[in-house]
Amino acid sequence: MLRHLDEELKELHKDILKMAVFAQESIFKSIESLKNRDKYLAQDVINTDNKIDELELTIDEKCIDLIARYQPMAGDLRYIATGMKINAELERIADIAVDISQRSLELMEKPLLKPLVDIPKLSQVSQDMVRDAIDAFIKKDAHLARKVVLADNEADRLRNLVQDELVNEYLARDPKTADRAVALLLIARYLERICDHTTNIAEDVIYMVEAKVVKHHPEELK
């Protein structure tokens, strides 16, 4: 019985990794579409979203089925429960990449407002956080998961830089830039939300490994 559970947990593991790859690719392509004004990349992110949604449902069904059939205890139960949570967070991340792609398509119809500097940096932070959070899940590495949680401060800092520049240098000085500035503000906010969802993944990994709740308890990160 346990051997069967182990095999099915391996399959679940593969599905979650596949979901993570989809999410990471969606973030990358959405920002590349913005940087290169590439409508085909943006549309690819939008078109792939249905496939990601279907995979999310498949993973959820597998998790529920495993719990119902095997009634796992302790570590196995935490692993399956964490897998369900991570699955949902990754699907939300992919949805946000669709939002970025839609704003990117809007901006392609207009002249470039300014060179993109901090938004690509924020995108890189978000992609690094997703990669490290999934690595922490794979390796059951609570230390790496803690690093991901702490990295969210850098995402907030970059988001604030983008926001301050767009508001003070563009919106306040030239109302005609409003549509483009607001679109870039939204993209920065979307990227920061991706980092928030990734922080949730890392917190779930810490719970999976240590059975310790760190959400709303920063002292537990030490």
N, C-alpha and C. Protein backbone atom coordinates (compact mmCIF):
# COMPACT_ATOMS: atom_id res chain seq x y z
N MET A 1 0.83 -1.20 0.00
CA MET A 1 0.00 0.00 0.00
C MET A 1 0.87 1.25 0.00
N LEU A 2 1.89 1.26 0.90
CA LEU A 2 2.77 2.42 1.00
C LEU A 2 3.58 2.59 -0.28
N ARG A 3 3.99 1.46 -0.90
CA ARG A 3 4.75 1.53 -2.14
C ARG A 3 3.93 2.20 -3.23
N HIS A 4 2.65 1.88 -3.29
CA HIS A 4 1.77 2.50 -4.28
C HIS A 4 1.67 4.00 -4.02
N LEU A 5 1.55 4.39 -2.76
CA LEU A 5 1.47 5.81 -2.42
C LEU A 5 2.75 6.52 -2.83
N ASP A 6 3.89 5.91 -2.57
CA ASP A 6 5.16 6.54 -2.93
C ASP A 6 5.24 6.79 -4.44
N GLU A 7 4.81 5.81 -5.22
CA GLU A 7 4.84 5.97 -6.68
C GLU A 7 3.91 7.09 -7.14
N GLU A 8 2.74 7.15 -6.53
CA GLU A 8 1.79 8.19 -6.93
C GLU A 8 2.25 9.58 -6.46
N LEU A 9 2.95 9.62 -5.33
CA LEU A 9 3.52 10.90 -4.88
C LEU A 9 4.59 11.39 -5.85
N LYS A 10 5.33 10.47 -6.42
CA LYS A 10 6.34 10.86 -7.42
C LYS A 10 5.68 11.46 -8.66
N GLU A 11 4.56 10.86 -9.07
CA GLU A 11 3.82 11.40 -10.22
C GLU A 11 3.26 12.78 -9.90
N LEU A 12 2.75 12.95 -8.69
CA LEU A 12 2.25 14.26 -8.26
C LEU A 12 3.38 15.28 -8.28
N HIS A 13 4.52 14.87 -7.80
CA HIS A 13 5.72 15.72 -7.77
C HIS A 13 6.05 16.20 -9.19
N LYS A 14 6.01 15.30 -10.15
CA LYS A 14 6.31 15.67 -11.55
C LYS A 14 5.30 16.68 -12.08
N ASP A 15 4.04 16.48 -11.75
CA ASP A 15 3.00 17.40 -12.22
C ASP A 15 3.20 18.80 -11.65
N ILE A 16 3.56 18.88 -10.36
CA ILE A 16 3.77 20.19 -9.75
C ILE A 16 4.98 20.88 -10.38
N LEU A 17 6.02 20.12 -10.67
CA LEU A 17 7.19 20.70 -11.34
C LEU A 17 6.82 21.21 -12.74
N LYS A 18 5.97 20.46 -13.42
CA LYS A 18 5.50 20.90 -14.74
C LYS A 18 4.73 22.21 -14.62
N MET A 19 3.90 22.31 -13.60
CA MET A 19 3.15 23.54 -13.34
C MET A 19 4.11 24.70 -13.08
N ALA A 20 5.15 24.43 -12.32
CA ALA A 20 6.14 25.47 -12.00
C ALA A 20 6.85 25.96 -13.26
N VAL A 21 7.18 25.04 -14.15
CA VAL A 21 7.84 25.43 -15.40
C VAL A 21 6.92 26.32 -16.23
N PHE A 22 5.66 25.94 -16.31
CA PHE A 22 4.69 26.77 -17.04
C PHE A 22 4.64 28.18 -16.45
N ALA A 23 4.57 28.28 -15.13
CA ALA A 23 4.47 29.58 -14.48
C ALA A 23 5.71 30.42 -14.73
N GLN A 24 6.89 29.80 -14.61
CA GLN A 24 8.13 30.54 -14.83
C GLN A 24 8.24 31.02 -16.28
N GLU A 25 7.88 30.15 -17.22
CA GLU A 25 7.92 30.54 -18.63
C GLU A 25 6.95 31.68 -18.91
N SER A 26 5.80 31.66 -18.27
CA SER A 26 4.80 32.71 -18.49
C SER A 26 5.31 34.07 -18.02
N ILE A 27 5.96 34.08 -16.85
CA ILE A 27 6.53 35.35 -16.36
C ILE A 27 7.57 35.85 -17.35
N PHE A 28 8.50 34.98 -17.72
CA PHE A 28 9.59 35.36 -18.61
C PHE A 28 9.06 35.91 -19.94
N LYS A 29 8.14 35.17 -20.54
CA LYS A 29 7.62 35.58 -21.85
C LYS A 29 6.84 36.89 -21.77
N SER A 30 6.10 37.07 -20.69
CA SER A 30 5.29 38.29 -20.57
C SER A 30 6.19 39.53 -20.51
N ILE A 31 7.30 39.44 -19.77
CA ILE A 31 8.20 40.59 -19.67
C ILE A 31 9.03 40.75 -20.94
N GLU A 32 9.42 39.64 -21.56
CA GLU A 32 10.13 39.74 -22.84
C GLU A 32 9.24 40.40 -23.89
N SER A 33 7.96 40.10 -23.85
CA SER A 33 7.04 40.72 -24.81
C SER A 33 6.99 42.22 -24.58
N LEU A 34 7.05 42.64 -23.31
CA LEU A 34 7.05 44.06 -22.99
C LEU A 34 8.34 44.73 -23.44
N LYS A 35 9.46 44.10 -23.13
CA LYS A 35 10.77 44.69 -23.47
C LYS A 35 10.97 44.78 -24.98
N ASN A 36 10.57 43.74 -25.69
CA ASN A 36 10.83 43.66 -27.13
C ASN A 36 9.64 44.05 -27.99
N ARG A 37 8.54 44.44 -27.32
CA ARG A 37 7.31 44.81 -28.02
C ARG A 37 6.91 43.69 -28.99
N ASP A 38 6.87 42.49 -28.43
CA ASP A 38 6.63 41.27 -29.21
C ASP A 38 5.21 40.76 -28.93
N LYS A 39 4.30 41.03 -29.83
CA LYS A 39 2.90 40.66 -29.61
C LYS A 39 2.70 39.14 -29.65
N TYR A 40 3.58 38.43 -30.37
CA TYR A 40 3.42 36.99 -30.47
C TYR A 40 3.74 36.31 -29.13
N LEU A 41 4.76 36.80 -28.44
CA LEU A 41 5.08 36.25 -27.12
C LEU A 41 3.94 36.52 -26.14
N ALA A 42 3.43 37.75 -26.16
CA ALA A 42 2.33 38.11 -25.27
C ALA A 42 1.12 37.21 -25.53
N GLN A 43 0.81 37.00 -26.79
CA GLN A 43 -0.35 36.17 -27.14
C GLN A 43 -0.13 34.72 -26.76
N ASP A 44 1.12 34.27 -26.84
CA ASP A 44 1.44 32.90 -26.45
C ASP A 44 1.16 32.67 -24.96
N VAL A 45 1.51 33.65 -24.14
CA VAL A 45 1.22 33.55 -22.70
C VAL A 45 -0.29 33.44 -22.47
N ILE A 46 -1.04 34.28 -23.17
CA ILE A 46 -2.51 34.29 -23.02
C ILE A 46 -3.10 32.96 -23.48
N ASN A 47 -2.60 32.45 -24.61
CA ASN A 47 -3.15 31.21 -25.17
C ASN A 47 -2.82 29.98 -24.32
N THR A 48 -1.68 30.02 -23.62
CA THR A 48 -1.25 28.87 -22.82
C THR A 48 -2.01 28.76 -21.51
N ASP A 49 -2.72 29.81 -21.14
CA ASP A 49 -3.36 29.84 -19.82
C ASP A 49 -4.39 28.72 -19.65
N ASN A 50 -5.11 28.36 -20.71
CA ASN A 50 -6.09 27.28 -20.60
C ASN A 50 -5.42 25.95 -20.24
N LYS A 51 -4.27 25.71 -20.83
CA LYS A 51 -3.52 24.48 -20.53
C LYS A 51 -3.10 24.45 -19.07
N ILE A 52 -2.70 25.61 -18.55
CA ILE A 52 -2.30 25.70 -17.15
C ILE A 52 -3.49 25.48 -16.23
N ASP A 53 -4.63 26.05 -16.59
CA ASP A 53 -5.84 25.85 -15.80
C ASP A 53 -6.22 24.37 -15.74
N GLU A 54 -6.10 23.68 -16.86
CA GLU A 54 -6.43 22.26 -16.90
C GLU A 54 -5.48 21.45 -16.02
N LEU A 55 -4.20 21.81 -16.04
CA LEU A 55 -3.23 21.10 -15.22
C LEU A 55 -3.51 21.34 -13.73
N GLU A 56 -3.91 22.56 -13.40
CA GLU A 56 -4.24 22.86 -12.00
C GLU A 56 -5.35 21.94 -11.52
N LEU A 57 -6.40 21.79 -12.32
CA LEU A 57 -7.52 20.93 -11.93
C LEU A 57 -7.08 19.47 -11.79
N THR A 58 -6.22 19.02 -12.71
CA THR A 58 -5.72 17.64 -12.65
C THR A 58 -4.95 17.39 -11.36
N ILE A 59 -4.09 18.33 -11.00
CA ILE A 59 -3.29 18.18 -9.77
C ILE A 59 -4.18 18.18 -8.54
N ASP A 60 -5.15 19.09 -8.52
CA ASP A 60 -6.09 19.12 -7.38
C ASP A 60 -6.82 17.80 -7.22
N GLU A 61 -7.30 17.26 -8.33
CA GLU A 61 -8.03 15.99 -8.29
C GLU A 61 -7.14 14.85 -7.79
N LYS A 62 -5.87 14.86 -8.23
CA LYS A 62 -4.93 13.83 -7.77
C LYS A 62 -4.72 13.93 -6.26
N CYS A 63 -4.56 15.14 -5.76
CA CYS A 63 -4.32 15.33 -4.33
C CYS A 63 -5.51 14.84 -3.51
N ILE A 64 -6.71 15.21 -3.93
CA ILE A 64 -7.92 14.79 -3.21
C ILE A 64 -8.06 13.28 -3.25
N ASP A 65 -7.77 12.70 -4.42
CA ASP A 65 -7.88 11.25 -4.59
C ASP A 65 -6.87 10.52 -3.69
N LEU A 66 -5.64 11.05 -3.59
CA LEU A 66 -4.62 10.42 -2.75
C LEU A 66 -5.04 10.45 -1.28
N ILE A 67 -5.58 11.57 -0.85
CA ILE A 67 -6.02 11.68 0.55
C ILE A 67 -7.17 10.71 0.82
N ALA A 68 -8.11 10.63 -0.12
CA ALA A 68 -9.28 9.76 0.07
C ALA A 68 -8.89 8.28 0.10
N ARG A 69 -7.99 7.88 -0.78
CA ARG A 69 -7.66 6.45 -0.91
C ARG A 69 -6.66 5.97 0.12
N TYR A 70 -5.69 6.80 0.48
CA TYR A 70 -4.60 6.34 1.35
C TYR A 70 -4.69 6.88 2.78
N GLN A 71 -5.48 7.93 2.99
CA GLN A 71 -5.56 8.57 4.30
C GLN A 71 -4.17 8.75 4.91
N PRO A 72 -3.30 9.47 4.20
CA PRO A 72 -1.91 9.60 4.66
C PRO A 72 -1.80 10.36 5.98
N MET A 73 -0.70 10.13 6.67
CA MET A 73 -0.49 10.74 7.98
C MET A 73 0.76 11.63 7.93
N ALA A 74 0.87 12.52 8.88
CA ALA A 74 2.06 13.32 9.16
C ALA A 74 2.70 13.90 7.90
N GLY A 75 3.96 13.48 7.61
CA GLY A 75 4.73 14.08 6.52
C GLY A 75 4.07 13.94 5.17
N ASP A 76 3.51 12.76 4.86
CA ASP A 76 2.87 12.56 3.56
C ASP A 76 1.64 13.46 3.41
N LEU A 77 0.89 13.60 4.49
CA LEU A 77 -0.30 14.46 4.43
C LEU A 77 0.11 15.91 4.24
N ARG A 78 1.14 16.34 4.95
CA ARG A 78 1.62 17.73 4.79
C ARG A 78 2.14 17.95 3.37
N TYR A 79 2.80 16.93 2.81
CA TYR A 79 3.31 17.05 1.44
C TYR A 79 2.17 17.24 0.44
N ILE A 80 1.13 16.44 0.55
CA ILE A 80 0.00 16.54 -0.38
C ILE A 80 -0.72 17.87 -0.19
N ALA A 81 -0.94 18.25 1.07
CA ALA A 81 -1.63 19.53 1.34
C ALA A 81 -0.81 20.70 0.80
N THR A 82 0.50 20.64 0.98
CA THR A 82 1.38 21.69 0.46
C THR A 82 1.35 21.70 -1.06
N GLY A 83 1.33 20.52 -1.66
CA GLY A 83 1.26 20.44 -3.12
C GLY A 83 0.02 21.12 -3.66
N MET A 84 -1.11 20.94 -2.99
CA MET A 84 -2.36 21.60 -3.41
C MET A 84 -2.24 23.12 -3.32
N LYS A 85 -1.64 23.59 -2.24
CA LYS A 85 -1.49 25.03 -2.06
C LYS A 85 -0.54 25.62 -3.10
N ILE A 86 0.58 24.93 -3.32
CA ILE A 86 1.55 25.41 -4.31
C ILE A 86 0.93 25.43 -5.70
N ASN A 87 0.16 24.40 -6.00
CA ASN A 87 -0.53 24.32 -7.29
C ASN A 87 -1.40 25.56 -7.51
N ALA A 88 -2.17 25.93 -6.49
CA ALA A 88 -3.05 27.10 -6.60
C ALA A 88 -2.25 28.38 -6.75
N GLU A 89 -1.15 28.50 -6.02
CA GLU A 89 -0.33 29.72 -6.11
C GLU A 89 0.31 29.84 -7.50
N LEU A 90 0.77 28.73 -8.04
CA LEU A 90 1.38 28.75 -9.37
C LEU A 90 0.36 29.13 -10.44
N GLU A 91 -0.86 28.63 -10.29
CA GLU A 91 -1.91 28.99 -11.26
C GLU A 91 -2.20 30.48 -11.20
N ARG A 92 -2.20 31.04 -9.99
CA ARG A 92 -2.43 32.48 -9.85
C ARG A 92 -1.28 33.28 -10.45
N ILE A 93 -0.06 32.78 -10.28
CA ILE A 93 1.10 33.44 -10.88
C ILE A 93 0.97 33.47 -12.40
N ALA A 94 0.56 32.34 -12.97
CA ALA A 94 0.37 32.28 -14.43
C ALA A 94 -0.73 33.24 -14.88
N ASP A 95 -1.79 33.37 -14.07
CA ASP A 95 -2.86 34.34 -14.39
C ASP A 95 -2.32 35.76 -14.42
N ILE A 96 -1.44 36.06 -13.46
CA ILE A 96 -0.87 37.41 -13.41
C ILE A 96 0.02 37.66 -14.63
N ALA A 97 0.72 36.63 -15.08
CA ALA A 97 1.53 36.78 -16.31
C ALA A 97 0.63 37.11 -17.50
N VAL A 98 -0.58 36.55 -17.51
CA VAL A 98 -1.55 36.91 -18.55
C VAL A 98 -1.92 38.39 -18.44
N ASP A 99 -2.13 38.87 -17.22
CA ASP A 99 -2.43 40.30 -17.02
C ASP A 99 -1.30 41.17 -17.55
N ILE A 100 -0.06 40.77 -17.27
CA ILE A 100 1.10 41.53 -17.76
C ILE A 100 1.10 41.54 -19.29
N SER A 101 0.84 40.38 -19.88
CA SER A 101 0.83 40.28 -21.34
C SER A 101 -0.25 41.17 -21.96
N GLN A 102 -1.39 41.25 -21.32
CA GLN A 102 -2.47 42.10 -21.83
C GLN A 102 -2.07 43.58 -21.77
N ARG A 103 -1.42 43.98 -20.68
CA ARG A 103 -0.94 45.37 -20.60
C ARG A 103 0.16 45.60 -21.64
N SER A 104 0.99 44.60 -21.85
CA SER A 104 2.06 44.70 -22.85
C SER A 104 1.48 44.94 -24.24
N LEU A 105 0.42 44.21 -24.57
CA LEU A 105 -0.24 44.40 -25.87
C LEU A 105 -0.80 45.81 -26.01
N GLU A 106 -1.36 46.34 -24.94
CA GLU A 106 -1.88 47.71 -24.97
C GLU A 106 -0.76 48.71 -25.24
N LEU A 107 0.38 48.51 -24.59
CA LEU A 107 1.48 49.47 -24.71
C LEU A 107 2.14 49.43 -26.09
N MET A 108 2.01 48.31 -26.79
CA MET A 108 2.61 48.21 -28.12
C MET A 108 1.96 49.15 -29.12
N GLU A 109 0.76 49.59 -28.83
CA GLU A 109 0.04 50.48 -29.74
C GLU A 109 0.45 51.95 -29.54
N LYS A 110 1.33 52.19 -28.55
CA LYS A 110 1.69 53.57 -28.22
C LYS A 110 3.21 53.73 -28.17
N PRO A 111 3.71 54.97 -28.29
CA PRO A 111 5.15 55.20 -28.18
C PRO A 111 5.66 54.79 -26.80
N LEU A 112 6.90 54.33 -26.75
CA LEU A 112 7.50 53.92 -25.49
C LEU A 112 7.62 55.12 -24.56
N LEU A 113 7.12 55.00 -23.34
CA LEU A 113 7.15 56.12 -22.39
C LEU A 113 8.55 56.40 -21.89
N LYS A 114 9.29 55.34 -21.56
CA LYS A 114 10.63 55.49 -21.00
C LYS A 114 11.38 54.16 -21.14
N PRO A 115 12.71 54.20 -21.09
CA PRO A 115 13.45 52.94 -21.09
C PRO A 115 13.08 52.11 -19.87
N LEU A 116 12.96 50.82 -20.06
CA LEU A 116 12.59 49.93 -18.95
C LEU A 116 13.84 49.52 -18.19
N VAL A 117 13.90 49.89 -16.92
CA VAL A 117 15.07 49.58 -16.09
C VAL A 117 14.66 48.74 -14.87
N ASP A 118 13.84 49.32 -14.01
CA ASP A 118 13.51 48.64 -12.76
C ASP A 118 12.47 47.53 -12.94
N ILE A 119 11.60 47.65 -13.94
CA ILE A 119 10.62 46.58 -14.16
C ILE A 119 11.30 45.26 -14.55
N PRO A 120 12.28 45.27 -15.48
CA PRO A 120 12.99 44.01 -15.74
C PRO A 120 13.74 43.48 -14.52
N LYS A 121 14.27 44.38 -13.68
CA LYS A 121 14.92 43.93 -12.44
C LYS A 121 13.92 43.26 -11.52
N LEU A 122 12.74 43.85 -11.40
CA LEU A 122 11.69 43.28 -10.56
C LEU A 122 11.23 41.94 -11.13
N SER A 123 11.17 41.85 -12.43
CA SER A 123 10.81 40.58 -13.07
C SER A 123 11.84 39.50 -12.74
N GLN A 124 13.12 39.87 -12.77
CA GLN A 124 14.16 38.89 -12.47
C GLN A 124 14.07 38.43 -11.03
N VAL A 125 13.78 39.37 -10.12
CA VAL A 125 13.60 38.99 -8.71
C VAL A 125 12.44 37.99 -8.58
N SER A 126 11.34 38.27 -9.27
CA SER A 126 10.18 37.37 -9.18
C SER A 126 10.51 35.99 -9.73
N GLN A 127 11.22 35.95 -10.86
CA GLN A 127 11.57 34.65 -11.45
C GLN A 127 12.54 33.88 -10.55
N ASP A 128 13.50 34.60 -9.95
CA ASP A 128 14.45 33.95 -9.03
C ASP A 128 13.72 33.40 -7.81
N MET A 129 12.76 34.18 -7.31
CA MET A 129 12.00 33.72 -6.14
C MET A 129 11.19 32.47 -6.46
N VAL A 130 10.55 32.44 -7.61
CA VAL A 130 9.78 31.25 -8.00
C VAL A 130 10.70 30.04 -8.12
N ARG A 131 11.84 30.24 -8.81
CA ARG A 131 12.79 29.13 -8.96
C ARG A 131 13.26 28.60 -7.61
N ASP A 132 13.63 29.51 -6.70
CA ASP A 132 14.15 29.09 -5.40
C ASP A 132 13.06 28.45 -4.54
N ALA A 133 11.84 28.97 -4.64
CA ALA A 133 10.75 28.39 -3.86
C ALA A 133 10.47 26.95 -4.30
N ILE A 134 10.50 26.72 -5.61
CA ILE A 134 10.27 25.37 -6.12
C ILE A 134 11.45 24.46 -5.78
N ASP A 135 12.67 24.99 -5.85
CA ASP A 135 13.83 24.21 -5.43
C ASP A 135 13.71 23.81 -3.96
N ALA A 136 13.24 24.75 -3.14
CA ALA A 136 13.06 24.46 -1.72
C ALA A 136 12.04 23.34 -1.53
N PHE A 137 10.98 23.37 -2.34
CA PHE A 137 9.97 22.31 -2.28
C PHE A 137 10.57 20.96 -2.69
N ILE A 138 11.31 20.97 -3.80
CA ILE A 138 11.91 19.73 -4.31
C ILE A 138 12.87 19.13 -3.28
N LYS A 139 13.73 19.98 -2.71
CA LYS A 139 14.78 19.52 -1.81
C LYS A 139 14.34 19.46 -0.35
N LYS A 140 13.09 19.90 -0.10
CA LYS A 140 12.60 20.00 1.27
C LYS A 140 13.57 20.83 2.12
N ASP A 141 13.92 21.98 1.58
CA ASP A 141 14.95 22.85 2.15
C ASP A 141 14.29 24.08 2.79
N ALA A 142 14.09 24.02 4.09
CA ALA A 142 13.43 25.13 4.79
C ALA A 142 14.32 26.37 4.83
N HIS A 143 15.64 26.19 4.85
CA HIS A 143 16.55 27.34 4.86
C HIS A 143 16.40 28.15 3.57
N LEU A 144 16.36 27.47 2.44
CA LEU A 144 16.18 28.16 1.16
C LEU A 144 14.81 28.83 1.11
N ALA A 145 13.80 28.16 1.65
CA ALA A 145 12.45 28.75 1.67
C ALA A 145 12.45 30.05 2.48
N ARG A 146 13.19 30.08 3.57
CA ARG A 146 13.28 31.31 4.37
C ARG A 146 13.93 32.43 3.56
N LYS A 147 14.93 32.10 2.78
CA LYS A 147 15.59 33.12 1.94
C LYS A 147 14.59 33.71 0.95
N VAL A 148 13.71 32.88 0.42
CA VAL A 148 12.68 33.36 -0.52
C VAL A 148 11.76 34.35 0.17
N VAL A 149 11.32 34.01 1.37
CA VAL A 149 10.43 34.91 2.11
C VAL A 149 11.09 36.26 2.33
N LEU A 150 12.36 36.25 2.71
CA LEU A 150 13.07 37.49 2.99
C LEU A 150 13.34 38.30 1.72
N ALA A 151 13.42 37.61 0.57
CA ALA A 151 13.67 38.30 -0.71
C ALA A 151 12.50 39.18 -1.12
N ASP A 152 11.34 38.97 -0.52
CA ASP A 152 10.17 39.77 -0.88
C ASP A 152 10.38 41.25 -0.58
N ASN A 153 11.27 41.57 0.37
CA ASN A 153 11.57 42.97 0.68
C ASN A 153 12.18 43.69 -0.52
N GLU A 154 13.04 42.99 -1.26
CA GLU A 154 13.65 43.59 -2.45
C GLU A 154 12.60 43.83 -3.53
N ALA A 155 11.65 42.92 -3.65
CA ALA A 155 10.56 43.12 -4.62
C ALA A 155 9.76 44.37 -4.26
N ASP A 156 9.47 44.54 -2.98
CA ASP A 156 8.72 45.72 -2.54
C ASP A 156 9.51 46.99 -2.84
N ARG A 157 10.80 46.94 -2.61
CA ARG A 157 11.66 48.12 -2.85
C ARG A 157 11.63 48.52 -4.32
N LEU A 158 11.78 47.55 -5.21
CA LEU A 158 11.78 47.84 -6.64
C LEU A 158 10.41 48.33 -7.11
N ARG A 159 9.35 47.73 -6.59
CA ARG A 159 8.00 48.19 -6.93
C ARG A 159 7.82 49.65 -6.55
N ASN A 160 8.33 50.01 -5.36
CA ASN A 160 8.22 51.40 -4.89
C ASN A 160 9.01 52.36 -5.75
N LEU A 161 10.18 51.92 -6.22
CA LEU A 161 10.99 52.76 -7.11
C LEU A 161 10.24 53.06 -8.41
N VAL A 162 9.67 52.00 -8.99
CA VAL A 162 8.90 52.17 -10.23
C VAL A 162 7.72 53.11 -9.99
N GLN A 163 7.02 52.89 -8.91
CA GLN A 163 5.84 53.69 -8.60
C GLN A 163 6.21 55.16 -8.41
N ASP A 164 7.26 55.42 -7.62
CA ASP A 164 7.65 56.81 -7.35
C ASP A 164 8.06 57.53 -8.63
N GLU A 165 8.81 56.84 -9.49
CA GLU A 165 9.26 57.48 -10.72
C GLU A 165 8.07 57.79 -11.65
N LEU A 166 7.21 56.82 -11.83
CA LEU A 166 6.09 57.03 -12.76
C LEU A 166 5.12 58.10 -12.26
N VAL A 167 4.88 58.11 -10.96
CA VAL A 167 3.95 59.11 -10.41
C VAL A 167 4.57 60.50 -10.43
N ASN A 168 5.80 60.60 -9.94
CA ASN A 168 6.41 61.92 -9.77
C ASN A 168 6.99 62.50 -11.05
N GLU A 169 7.55 61.66 -11.91
CA GLU A 169 8.21 62.15 -13.11
C GLU A 169 7.31 62.20 -14.33
N TYR A 170 6.22 61.46 -14.31
CA TYR A 170 5.36 61.41 -15.50
C TYR A 170 3.93 61.86 -15.20
N LEU A 171 3.23 61.14 -14.34
CA LEU A 171 1.83 61.48 -14.08
C LEU A 171 1.67 62.90 -13.54
N ALA A 172 2.54 63.28 -12.61
CA ALA A 172 2.41 64.62 -12.00
C ALA A 172 2.79 65.73 -12.97
N ARG A 173 3.65 65.43 -13.93
CA ARG A 173 4.17 66.48 -14.81
C ARG A 173 3.44 66.56 -16.15
N ASP A 174 2.94 65.42 -16.62
CA ASP A 174 2.30 65.42 -17.94
C ASP A 174 1.13 64.43 -17.95
N PRO A 175 -0.07 64.92 -17.75
CA PRO A 175 -1.25 64.04 -17.73
C PRO A 175 -1.43 63.22 -19.00
N LYS A 176 -0.83 63.68 -20.11
CA LYS A 176 -0.97 62.93 -21.36
C LYS A 176 -0.28 61.57 -21.32
N THR A 177 0.61 61.39 -20.35
CA THR A 177 1.31 60.11 -20.22
C THR A 177 0.52 59.11 -19.37
N ALA A 178 -0.65 59.51 -18.90
CA ALA A 178 -1.37 58.72 -17.88
C ALA A 178 -1.61 57.29 -18.31
N ASP A 179 -2.08 57.06 -19.54
CA ASP A 179 -2.43 55.70 -19.95
C ASP A 179 -1.22 54.78 -19.94
N ARG A 180 -0.08 55.28 -20.44
CA ARG A 180 1.12 54.46 -20.47
C ARG A 180 1.73 54.29 -19.06
N ALA A 181 1.71 55.37 -18.28
CA ALA A 181 2.26 55.30 -16.93
C ALA A 181 1.45 54.34 -16.06
N VAL A 182 0.13 54.42 -16.17
CA VAL A 182 -0.72 53.53 -15.37
C VAL A 182 -0.51 52.07 -15.77
N ALA A 183 -0.35 51.80 -17.06
CA ALA A 183 -0.09 50.43 -17.51
C ALA A 183 1.20 49.89 -16.90
N LEU A 184 2.25 50.72 -16.87
CA LEU A 184 3.52 50.29 -16.28
C LEU A 184 3.40 50.14 -14.76
N LEU A 185 2.63 51.03 -14.14
CA LEU A 185 2.37 50.89 -12.70
C LEU A 185 1.70 49.56 -12.39
N LEU A 186 0.72 49.21 -13.22
CA LEU A 186 0.03 47.93 -13.02
C LEU A 186 0.98 46.75 -13.19
N ILE A 187 1.85 46.82 -14.19
CA ILE A 187 2.79 45.72 -14.42
C ILE A 187 3.72 45.55 -13.22
N ALA A 188 4.20 46.68 -12.66
CA ALA A 188 5.04 46.59 -11.47
C ALA A 188 4.28 45.97 -10.31
N ARG A 189 3.02 46.36 -10.18
CA ARG A 189 2.18 45.80 -9.12
C ARG A 189 1.94 44.31 -9.35
N TYR A 190 1.71 43.92 -10.60
CA TYR A 190 1.52 42.50 -10.92
C TYR A 190 2.75 41.69 -10.51
N LEU A 191 3.94 42.21 -10.86
CA LEU A 191 5.17 41.49 -10.53
C LEU A 191 5.35 41.36 -9.02
N GLU A 192 5.00 42.42 -8.30
CA GLU A 192 5.10 42.36 -6.85
C GLU A 192 4.11 41.34 -6.28
N ARG A 193 2.95 41.22 -6.91
CA ARG A 193 1.97 40.21 -6.47
C ARG A 193 2.50 38.80 -6.73
N ILE A 194 3.21 38.62 -7.85
CA ILE A 194 3.83 37.32 -8.11
C ILE A 194 4.77 36.96 -6.96
N CYS A 195 5.54 37.95 -6.51
CA CYS A 195 6.46 37.72 -5.40
C CYS A 195 5.69 37.38 -4.12
N ASP A 196 4.54 38.01 -3.92
CA ASP A 196 3.71 37.68 -2.74
C ASP A 196 3.23 36.23 -2.81
N HIS A 197 2.77 35.80 -3.98
CA HIS A 197 2.32 34.41 -4.12
C HIS A 197 3.49 33.44 -3.91
N THR A 198 4.67 33.84 -4.36
CA THR A 198 5.84 32.98 -4.19
C THR A 198 6.24 32.90 -2.72
N THR A 199 6.08 34.01 -2.02
CA THR A 199 6.33 34.00 -0.57
C THR A 199 5.39 33.01 0.11
N ASN A 200 4.15 32.96 -0.33
CA ASN A 200 3.20 31.98 0.22
C ASN A 200 3.69 30.56 0.00
N ILE A 201 4.24 30.29 -1.21
CA ILE A 201 4.78 28.96 -1.51
C ILE A 201 5.89 28.63 -0.53
N ALA A 202 6.81 29.57 -0.33
CA ALA A 202 7.95 29.34 0.56
C ALA A 202 7.48 29.09 1.99
N GLU A 203 6.48 29.85 2.44
CA GLU A 203 5.94 29.64 3.79
C GLU A 203 5.32 28.25 3.91
N ASP A 204 4.65 27.80 2.85
CA ASP A 204 4.06 26.46 2.86
C ASP A 204 5.14 25.38 2.91
N VAL A 205 6.25 25.63 2.22
CA VAL A 205 7.36 24.66 2.25
C VAL A 205 7.92 24.54 3.67
N ILE A 206 8.07 25.67 4.34
CA ILE A 206 8.57 25.63 5.73
C ILE A 206 7.62 24.81 6.60
N TYR A 207 6.32 25.00 6.40
CA TYR A 207 5.36 24.21 7.17
C TYR A 207 5.49 22.72 6.83
N MET A 208 5.64 22.42 5.54
CA MET A 208 5.75 21.02 5.12
C MET A 208 6.95 20.34 5.78
N VAL A 209 8.08 21.06 5.82
CA VAL A 209 9.32 20.47 6.32
C VAL A 209 9.37 20.44 7.84
N GLU A 210 8.95 21.54 8.47
CA GLU A 210 9.15 21.69 9.91
C GLU A 210 7.86 21.66 10.72
N ALA A 211 6.71 21.57 10.03
CA ALA A 211 5.41 21.66 10.72
C ALA A 211 5.34 22.95 11.54
N LYS A 212 5.92 24.01 11.01
CA LYS A 212 5.99 25.30 11.71
C LYS A 212 5.32 26.36 10.85
N VAL A 213 4.38 27.10 11.43
CA VAL A 213 3.67 28.16 10.72
C VAL A 213 4.46 29.46 10.87
N VAL A 214 4.90 30.02 9.73
CA VAL A 214 5.66 31.27 9.78
C VAL A 214 4.85 32.46 9.26
N LYS A 215 3.72 32.18 8.60
CA LYS A 215 2.88 33.27 8.11
C LYS A 215 2.37 34.08 9.29
N HIS A 216 2.58 35.41 9.22
CA HIS A 216 2.19 36.33 10.29
C HIS A 216 3.05 36.15 11.54
N HIS A 217 4.10 35.33 11.43
CA HIS A 217 4.99 35.12 12.58
C HIS A 217 6.45 35.28 12.13
N PRO A 218 6.90 36.53 11.87
CA PRO A 218 8.26 36.75 11.35
C PRO A 218 9.36 36.23 12.26
N GLU A 219 9.05 36.13 13.58
CA GLU A 219 10.07 35.61 14.50
C GLU A 219 10.43 34.17 14.19
N GLU A 220 9.53 33.44 13.53
CA GLU A 220 9.79 32.05 13.19
C GLU A 220 10.73 31.90 11.99
N LEU A 221 11.03 33.01 11.32
CA LEU A 221 11.94 32.95 10.18
C LEU A 221 13.40 32.88 10.61
N LYS A 222 13.67 33.14 11.86
CA LYS A 222 15.07 33.16 12.36
C LYS A 222 15.55 31.75 12.62
